[in-house]
């Protein structure tokens, strides 16, 4: 939003409206009036409890340098890459488990069919 010319306070208020997590929403609602009062964005974001220290540090640097647009984009890129890597790791751990379970299900079906065929062939007429 900042790259498209939306002022920071308006963008923050819009973001608060979209957030579903009440813990995060309350934290953001708490800092929004402080920023409106004149506290620097870096100091206000330093009070957030849900963000890692690297986020707070980069926001302070962006605030001091006056380059918030690029700093938020850099943070987005950093956390997006971290999320993609985490998803890849989780999927690589879950994949063998799913294959094993599917193999057991298919094996059980095959064994039950084989037993049925063998039992039918043993019936004497």
Protein backbone atom coordinates (compact mmCIF):
# COMPACT_ATOMS: atom_id res chain seq x y z
CA UNK A 1 0.00 0.00 0.00
CA UNK A 2 2.85 2.37 0.78
CA UNK A 3 4.30 1.94 -2.72
CA UNK A 4 0.94 2.96 -4.19
CA UNK A 5 0.78 6.19 -2.22
CA UNK A 6 -1.41 5.22 0.74
CA UNK A 7 -0.27 7.08 3.85
CA UNK A 8 1.16 4.93 6.64
CA UNK A 9 -1.58 5.53 9.24
CA UNK A 10 -4.33 4.71 6.72
CA UNK A 11 -2.45 1.57 5.62
CA UNK A 12 -2.03 0.49 9.25
CA UNK A 13 -5.74 1.01 9.96
CA UNK A 14 -6.67 -1.00 6.86
CA UNK A 15 -4.30 -3.78 7.94
CA UNK A 16 -5.86 -3.84 11.41
CA UNK A 17 -9.28 -4.33 9.81
CA UNK A 18 -8.06 -7.37 7.86
CA UNK A 19 -6.24 -9.19 10.68
CA UNK A 20 -8.24 -12.10 12.15
CA UNK A 21 -5.96 -12.94 15.10
CA UNK A 22 -7.21 -10.98 18.11
CA UNK A 23 -3.79 -10.95 19.84
CA UNK A 24 -2.14 -9.32 16.82
CA UNK A 25 -5.11 -7.01 16.22
CA UNK A 26 -5.01 -5.73 19.82
CA UNK A 27 -1.27 -5.06 19.58
CA UNK A 28 -1.70 -3.11 16.34
CA UNK A 29 -4.66 -1.16 17.73
CA UNK A 30 -2.50 -0.20 20.70
CA UNK A 31 0.29 1.30 18.58
CA UNK A 32 -1.86 3.07 15.99
CA UNK A 33 -2.88 6.00 18.29
CA UNK A 34 0.72 6.35 19.49
CA UNK A 35 1.91 6.84 15.92
CA UNK A 36 -0.87 9.41 15.38
CA UNK A 37 0.34 11.26 18.50
CA UNK A 38 3.81 11.61 17.05
CA UNK A 39 5.87 8.70 18.39
CA UNK A 40 8.22 7.40 15.73
CA UNK A 41 7.14 4.31 13.85
CA UNK A 42 10.26 2.46 15.00
CA UNK A 43 9.52 3.12 18.67
CA UNK A 44 5.87 2.19 18.27
CA UNK A 45 6.66 -1.08 16.50
CA UNK A 46 9.23 -1.85 19.20
CA UNK A 47 6.30 -2.40 21.59
CA UNK A 48 4.78 -5.19 19.48
CA UNK A 49 4.95 -8.57 21.16
CA UNK A 50 4.32 -10.83 18.16
CA UNK A 51 7.15 -9.78 15.85
CA UNK A 52 10.74 -11.04 15.96
CA UNK A 53 13.62 -8.69 16.83
CA UNK A 54 14.85 -8.53 13.23
CA UNK A 55 11.50 -7.04 12.22
CA UNK A 56 11.74 -4.36 14.89
CA UNK A 57 15.32 -3.53 13.92
CA UNK A 58 14.55 -3.23 10.23
CA UNK A 59 11.53 -1.01 10.95
CA UNK A 60 13.73 1.29 13.06
CA UNK A 61 16.29 1.51 10.25
CA UNK A 62 13.56 2.19 7.69
CA UNK A 63 12.03 4.86 9.91
CA UNK A 64 15.35 6.59 10.51
CA UNK A 65 16.33 6.47 6.86
CA UNK A 66 12.88 7.52 5.63
CA UNK A 67 12.67 4.50 3.38
CA UNK A 68 9.73 2.58 4.88
CA UNK A 69 8.40 1.34 1.51
CA UNK A 70 11.54 -0.57 0.66
CA UNK A 71 12.01 -1.81 4.22
CA UNK A 72 8.51 -3.29 4.39
CA UNK A 73 9.05 -4.90 0.98
CA UNK A 74 12.34 -6.36 2.23
CA UNK A 75 10.57 -7.72 5.33
CA UNK A 76 7.85 -9.21 3.13
CA UNK A 77 10.47 -10.93 0.98
CA UNK A 78 12.32 -12.24 4.03
CA UNK A 79 9.27 -13.70 5.76
CA UNK A 80 7.77 -15.01 2.51
CA UNK A 81 10.96 -16.96 1.79
CA UNK A 82 11.04 -18.25 5.36
CA UNK A 83 7.41 -19.43 5.06
CA UNK A 84 8.07 -21.18 1.74
CA UNK A 85 11.09 -22.98 3.21
CA UNK A 86 9.10 -24.07 6.27
CA UNK A 87 6.29 -25.42 4.08
CA UNK A 88 8.82 -27.34 1.97
CA UNK A 89 10.36 -28.89 5.10
CA UNK A 90 7.00 -29.91 6.53
CA UNK A 91 5.87 -31.41 3.24
CA UNK A 92 9.12 -33.32 2.85
CA UNK A 93 8.55 -34.81 6.32
CA UNK A 94 4.88 -35.63 5.72
CA UNK A 95 5.35 -37.15 2.26
CA UNK A 96 6.97 -40.44 3.41
CA UNK A 97 4.30 -40.87 6.08
CA UNK A 98 1.51 -40.44 3.53
CA UNK A 99 3.18 -42.90 1.13
CA UNK A 100 3.54 -45.47 3.92
CA UNK A 101 -0.09 -45.13 5.00
CA UNK A 102 -1.30 -45.40 1.41
CA UNK A 103 0.88 -48.49 0.92
CA UNK A 104 -0.63 -50.10 4.01
CA UNK A 105 -4.18 -49.35 2.82
CA UNK A 106 -3.52 -50.72 -0.68
CA UNK A 107 -1.69 -53.73 0.79
CA UNK A 108 -4.62 -54.49 3.09
CA UNK A 109 -7.05 -54.33 0.17
CA UNK A 110 -4.86 -56.60 -1.97
CA UNK A 111 -4.44 -59.15 0.84
CA UNK A 112 -8.18 -59.20 1.54
CA UNK A 113 -8.92 -59.77 -2.16
CA UNK A 114 -6.32 -62.54 -2.35
CA UNK A 115 -7.77 -64.28 0.72
CA UNK A 116 -11.28 -64.05 -0.76
CA UNK A 117 -10.14 -65.58 -4.06
CA UNK A 118 -8.31 -68.40 -2.25
CA UNK A 119 -11.32 -69.14 -0.04
CA UNK A 120 -13.65 -69.30 -3.06
CA UNK A 121 -11.33 -71.76 -4.80
CA UNK A 122 -11.45 -74.10 -1.77
CA UNK A 123 -15.25 -74.45 -1.87
CA UNK A 124 -16.33 -77.89 -3.03
CA UNK A 125 -19.49 -78.22 -5.05
